[in-house]
Amino acid sequence: MKESMWGYWFIVLGLSIMSVMMLLQNYTTTNEQDYYLIKNVLEASMYESVDYAYFRDTSRIRMNTEKFVENFVRRFAESVNINKTYDINFYQIYEDPPAASVEIKSDGDGKEGKVEADDTVTNRLTGILYTNQFYNPSVVVFNPEN
């Protein structure tokens, strides 16, 4: 009886440690998660901001700048965790040919107003929207620092 109680306590201890680890993992985000979030949001926002009336008339792709910024901010705000503070900067948004550069700075610890210089993480991505010979739009996203 005594040994079986120790076994039950080990199982309860293991389950409680695993639940605390899963809770902490959901609370924190990493730089890699932020990078892929920005990449996916940039790609989807560029697809959504294509001006199809202009494409139908001229067979060239053009992107609406205001619609792109609105879609990017909306999608990013819906997908991001609230435990960090983000600063979004847009650079070189071109309508024709469609391209956009985005820089997002995030603090490392989630403390507003107490961010030190080495706690800030910066992600910069550039996306270019192009078509192939069959008029299927594709987005190429790359990191300009690499």
C-alpha atoms as a PDB file:
ATOM      1  CA  MET A   1       0.000   0.000   0.000  1.00  0.00           C
ATOM      2  CA  LYS A   2       2.810   2.339   0.891  1.00  0.00           C
ATOM      3  CA  GLU A   3       4.656   1.808  -2.415  1.00  0.00           C
ATOM      4  CA  SER A   4       1.513   2.289  -4.480  1.00  0.00           C
ATOM      5  CA  MET A   5       0.882   5.679  -2.826  1.00  0.00           C
ATOM      6  CA  TRP A   6       4.396   6.773  -3.843  1.00  0.00           C
ATOM      7  CA  GLY A   7       3.572   5.745  -7.419  1.00  0.00           C
ATOM      8  CA  TYR A   8       0.377   7.823  -7.380  1.00  0.00           C
ATOM      9  CA  TRP A   9       2.271  10.826  -6.028  1.00  0.00           C
ATOM     10  CA  PHE A  10       4.887  10.531  -8.780  1.00  0.00           C
ATOM     11  CA  ILE A  11       2.142  10.476 -11.424  1.00  0.00           C
ATOM     12  CA  VAL A  12       0.429  13.528  -9.903  1.00  0.00           C
ATOM     13  CA  LEU A  13       3.769  15.347  -9.643  1.00  0.00           C
ATOM     14  CA  GLY A  14       4.617  14.554 -13.276  1.00  0.00           C
ATOM     15  CA  LEU A  15       1.218  15.745 -14.517  1.00  0.00           C
ATOM     16  CA  SER A  16       1.442  18.980 -12.517  1.00  0.00           C
ATOM     17  CA  ILE A  17       4.955  19.728 -13.819  1.00  0.00           C
ATOM     18  CA  MET A  18       3.852  19.082 -17.412  1.00  0.00           C
ATOM     19  CA  SER A  19       0.814  21.344 -17.029  1.00  0.00           C
ATOM     20  CA  VAL A  20       2.965  24.188 -15.640  1.00  0.00           C
ATOM     21  CA  MET A  21       5.450  23.751 -18.519  1.00  0.00           C
ATOM     22  CA  MET A  22       2.661  23.876 -21.108  1.00  0.00           C
ATOM     23  CA  LEU A  23       1.188  26.978 -19.481  1.00  0.00           C
ATOM     24  CA  LEU A  24       4.541  28.783 -19.525  1.00  0.00           C
ATOM     25  CA  GLN A  25       5.191  27.747 -23.123  1.00  0.00           C
ATOM     26  CA  ASN A  26       1.859  29.228 -24.232  1.00  0.00           C
ATOM     27  CA  TYR A  27       2.635  32.437 -22.352  1.00  0.00           C
ATOM     28  CA  THR A  28       6.014  33.103 -23.974  1.00  0.00           C
ATOM     29  CA  THR A  29       6.839  33.556 -27.642  1.00  0.00           C
ATOM     30  CA  THR A  30      10.179  33.284 -29.355  1.00  0.00           C
ATOM     31  CA  ASN A  31      11.856  35.242 -32.109  1.00  0.00           C
ATOM     32  CA  GLU A  32      11.294  32.350 -34.515  1.00  0.00           C
ATOM     33  CA  GLN A  33       7.542  32.378 -33.863  1.00  0.00           C
ATOM     34  CA  ASP A  34       7.465  36.139 -34.455  1.00  0.00           C
ATOM     35  CA  TYR A  35       9.417  35.742 -37.711  1.00  0.00           C
ATOM     36  CA  TYR A  36       7.013  33.176 -39.174  1.00  0.00           C
ATOM     37  CA  LEU A  37       4.012  35.179 -37.973  1.00  0.00           C
ATOM     38  CA  ILE A  38       5.306  38.284 -39.758  1.00  0.00           C
ATOM     39  CA  LYS A  39       6.108  36.268 -42.874  1.00  0.00           C
ATOM     40  CA  ASN A  40       2.641  34.735 -43.096  1.00  0.00           C
ATOM     41  CA  VAL A  41       0.878  38.021 -42.326  1.00  0.00           C
ATOM     42  CA  LEU A  42       2.950  39.858 -44.953  1.00  0.00           C
ATOM     43  CA  GLU A  43       2.144  37.264 -47.593  1.00  0.00           C
ATOM     44  CA  ALA A  44      -1.584  37.176 -46.840  1.00  0.00           C
ATOM     45  CA  SER A  45      -1.830  40.969 -46.705  1.00  0.00           C
ATOM     46  CA  MET A  46      -0.164  41.299 -50.096  1.00  0.00           C
ATOM     47  CA  TYR A  47      -2.579  38.787 -51.627  1.00  0.00           C
ATOM     48  CA  GLU A  48      -5.574  40.624 -50.164  1.00  0.00           C
ATOM     49  CA  SER A  49      -4.469  44.052 -51.344  1.00  0.00           C
ATOM     50  CA  VAL A  50      -4.208  43.226 -55.061  1.00  0.00           C
ATOM     51  CA  ASP A  51      -6.234  45.582 -57.258  1.00  0.00           C
ATOM     52  CA  TYR A  52      -8.121  43.104 -59.453  1.00  0.00           C
ATOM     53  CA  ALA A  53      -9.873  45.774 -61.535  1.00  0.00           C
ATOM     54  CA  TYR A  54      -6.476  47.101 -62.655  1.00  0.00           C
ATOM     55  CA  PHE A  55      -5.280  43.529 -63.257  1.00  0.00           C
ATOM     56  CA  ARG A  56      -8.322  42.758 -65.396  1.00  0.00           C
ATOM     57  CA  ASP A  57      -7.761  45.859 -67.549  1.00  0.00           C
ATOM     58  CA  THR A  58      -3.973  45.772 -67.983  1.00  0.00           C
ATOM     59  CA  SER A  59      -2.895  42.187 -67.045  1.00  0.00           C
ATOM     60  CA  ARG A  60      -0.420  43.693 -64.574  1.00  0.00           C
ATOM     61  CA  ILE A  61      -0.546  43.328 -60.811  1.00  0.00           C
ATOM     62  CA  ARG A  62      -0.878  46.429 -58.672  1.00  0.00           C
ATOM     63  CA  MET A  63      -1.235  46.587 -54.903  1.00  0.00           C
ATOM     64  CA  ASN A  64      -3.265  49.162 -52.996  1.00  0.00           C
ATOM     65  CA  THR A  65      -0.991  50.659 -50.324  1.00  0.00           C
ATOM     66  CA  GLU A  66      -3.678  51.714 -47.850  1.00  0.00           C
ATOM     67  CA  LYS A  67      -5.407  48.359 -48.083  1.00  0.00           C
ATOM     68  CA  PHE A  68      -2.088  46.555 -47.535  1.00  0.00           C
ATOM     69  CA  VAL A  69      -1.279  48.530 -44.375  1.00  0.00           C
ATOM     70  CA  GLU A  70      -4.798  48.049 -43.037  1.00  0.00           C
ATOM     71  CA  ASN A  71      -4.753  44.285 -43.706  1.00  0.00           C
ATOM     72  CA  PHE A  72      -1.283  43.855 -42.236  1.00  0.00           C
ATOM     73  CA  VAL A  73      -2.074  45.669 -38.992  1.00  0.00           C
ATOM     74  CA  ARG A  74      -5.417  43.873 -38.602  1.00  0.00           C
ATOM     75  CA  ARG A  75      -3.979  40.401 -39.220  1.00  0.00           C
ATOM     76  CA  PHE A  76      -0.929  41.020 -37.038  1.00  0.00           C
ATOM     77  CA  ALA A  77      -3.054  42.305 -34.146  1.00  0.00           C
ATOM     78  CA  GLU A  78      -5.355  39.275 -34.357  1.00  0.00           C
ATOM     79  CA  SER A  79      -2.494  36.773 -34.292  1.00  0.00           C
ATOM     80  CA  VAL A  80      -0.019  38.220 -31.809  1.00  0.00           C
ATOM     81  CA  ASN A  81       0.242  37.485 -28.093  1.00  0.00           C
ATOM     82  CA  ILE A  82      -0.546  40.325 -25.730  1.00  0.00           C
ATOM     83  CA  ASN A  83       2.461  39.775 -23.474  1.00  0.00           C
ATOM     84  CA  LYS A  84       4.798  41.902 -25.651  1.00  0.00           C
ATOM     85  CA  THR A  85       4.853  45.428 -26.980  1.00  0.00           C
ATOM     86  CA  TYR A  86       5.328  45.719 -30.749  1.00  0.00           C
ATOM     87  CA  ASP A  87       6.405  48.656 -32.895  1.00  0.00           C
ATOM     88  CA  ILE A  88       5.483  48.275 -36.595  1.00  0.00           C
ATOM     89  CA  ASN A  89       7.277  50.315 -39.266  1.00  0.00           C
ATOM     90  CA  PHE A  90       6.586  50.155 -42.999  1.00  0.00           C
ATOM     91  CA  TYR A  91       9.325  50.974 -45.504  1.00  0.00           C
ATOM     92  CA  GLN A  92       9.312  51.056 -49.292  1.00  0.00           C
ATOM     93  CA  ILE A  93       5.739  50.114 -50.087  1.00  0.00           C
ATOM     94  CA  TYR A  94       5.429  50.066 -53.873  1.00  0.00           C
ATOM     95  CA  GLU A  95       2.161  49.654 -55.732  1.00  0.00           C
ATOM     96  CA  ASP A  96       3.568  48.727 -59.133  1.00  0.00           C
ATOM     97  CA  PRO A  97       5.499  46.380 -59.001  1.00  0.00           C
ATOM     98  CA  PRO A  98       4.017  45.295 -55.666  1.00  0.00           C
ATOM     99  CA  ALA A  99       6.608  45.142 -52.921  1.00  0.00           C
ATOM    100  CA  ALA A 100       6.700  46.022 -49.241  1.00  0.00           C
ATOM    101  CA  SER A 101       9.277  46.111 -46.463  1.00  0.00           C
ATOM    102  CA  VAL A 102       8.181  45.732 -42.847  1.00  0.00           C
ATOM    103  CA  GLU A 103      10.171  46.173 -39.648  1.00  0.00           C
ATOM    104  CA  ILE A 104       8.766  45.005 -36.325  1.00  0.00           C
ATOM    105  CA  LYS A 105      10.480  45.689 -33.024  1.00  0.00           C
ATOM    106  CA  SER A 106       9.378  43.794 -29.955  1.00  0.00           C
ATOM    107  CA  ASP A 107      10.546  43.945 -26.382  1.00  0.00           C
ATOM    108  CA  GLY A 108      11.822  40.754 -24.853  1.00  0.00           C
ATOM    109  CA  ASP A 109      10.188  40.688 -21.443  1.00  0.00           C
ATOM    110  CA  GLY A 110       6.775  42.286 -21.947  1.00  0.00           C
ATOM    111  CA  LYS A 111       7.348  45.140 -19.495  1.00  0.00           C
ATOM    112  CA  GLU A 112       6.065  48.333 -21.023  1.00  0.00           C
ATOM    113  CA  GLY A 113       8.299  51.350 -20.591  1.00  0.00           C
ATOM    114  CA  LYS A 114      11.158  49.349 -19.077  1.00  0.00           C
ATOM    115  CA  VAL A 115      12.768  48.005 -22.233  1.00  0.00           C
ATOM    116  CA  GLU A 116      16.539  48.044 -22.312  1.00  0.00           C
ATOM    117  CA  ALA A 117      18.482  48.328 -25.549  1.00  0.00           C
ATOM    118  CA  ASP A 118      19.576  44.691 -25.591  1.00  0.00           C
ATOM    119  CA  ASP A 119      16.060  43.371 -24.893  1.00  0.00           C
ATOM    120  CA  THR A 120      14.640  44.691 -28.170  1.00  0.00           C
ATOM    121  CA  VAL A 121      14.275  42.164 -30.997  1.00  0.00           C
ATOM    122  CA  THR A 122      13.994  43.520 -34.550  1.00  0.00           C
ATOM    123  CA  ASN A 123      12.624  41.556 -37.503  1.00  0.00           C
ATOM    124  CA  ARG A 124      12.823  43.021 -41.014  1.00  0.00           C
ATOM    125  CA  LEU A 125      11.129  41.347 -43.964  1.00  0.00           C
ATOM    126  CA  THR A 126      10.596  42.314 -47.586  1.00  0.00           C
ATOM    127  CA  GLY A 127       7.936  40.759 -49.799  1.00  0.00           C
ATOM    128  CA  ILE A 128       7.631  40.963 -53.580  1.00  0.00           C
ATOM    129  CA  LEU A 129       4.438  39.935 -55.379  1.00  0.00           C
ATOM    130  CA  TYR A 130       4.919  38.605 -58.911  1.00  0.00           C
ATOM    131  CA  THR A 131       3.141  36.444 -61.504  1.00  0.00           C
ATOM    132  CA  ASN A 132       4.324  33.669 -63.699  1.00  0.00           C
ATOM    133  CA  GLN A 133       3.229  33.100 -67.287  1.00  0.00           C
ATOM    134  CA  PHE A 134      -0.155  31.706 -66.179  1.00  0.00           C
ATOM    135  CA  TYR A 135      -1.043  34.796 -64.085  1.00  0.00           C
ATOM    136  CA  ASN A 136      -0.926  33.021 -60.757  1.00  0.00           C
ATOM    137  CA  PRO A 137       0.301  35.552 -58.184  1.00  0.00           C
ATOM    138  CA  SER A 138       3.091  34.419 -55.865  1.00  0.00           C
ATOM    139  CA  VAL A 139       4.826  36.174 -52.996  1.00  0.00           C
ATOM    140  CA  VAL A 140       8.537  35.929 -52.299  1.00  0.00           C
ATOM    141  CA  VAL A 141       9.426  36.969 -48.747  1.00  0.00           C
ATOM    142  CA  PHE A 142      13.040  37.375 -47.737  1.00  0.00           C
ATOM    143  CA  ASN A 143      15.069  38.837 -44.925  1.00  0.00           C
ATOM    144  CA  PRO A 144      17.208  41.682 -46.288  1.00  0.00           C
ATOM    145  CA  GLU A 145      19.865  41.212 -43.589  1.00  0.00           C
ATOM    146  CA  ASN A 146      20.830  37.692 -44.734  1.00  0.00           C
END
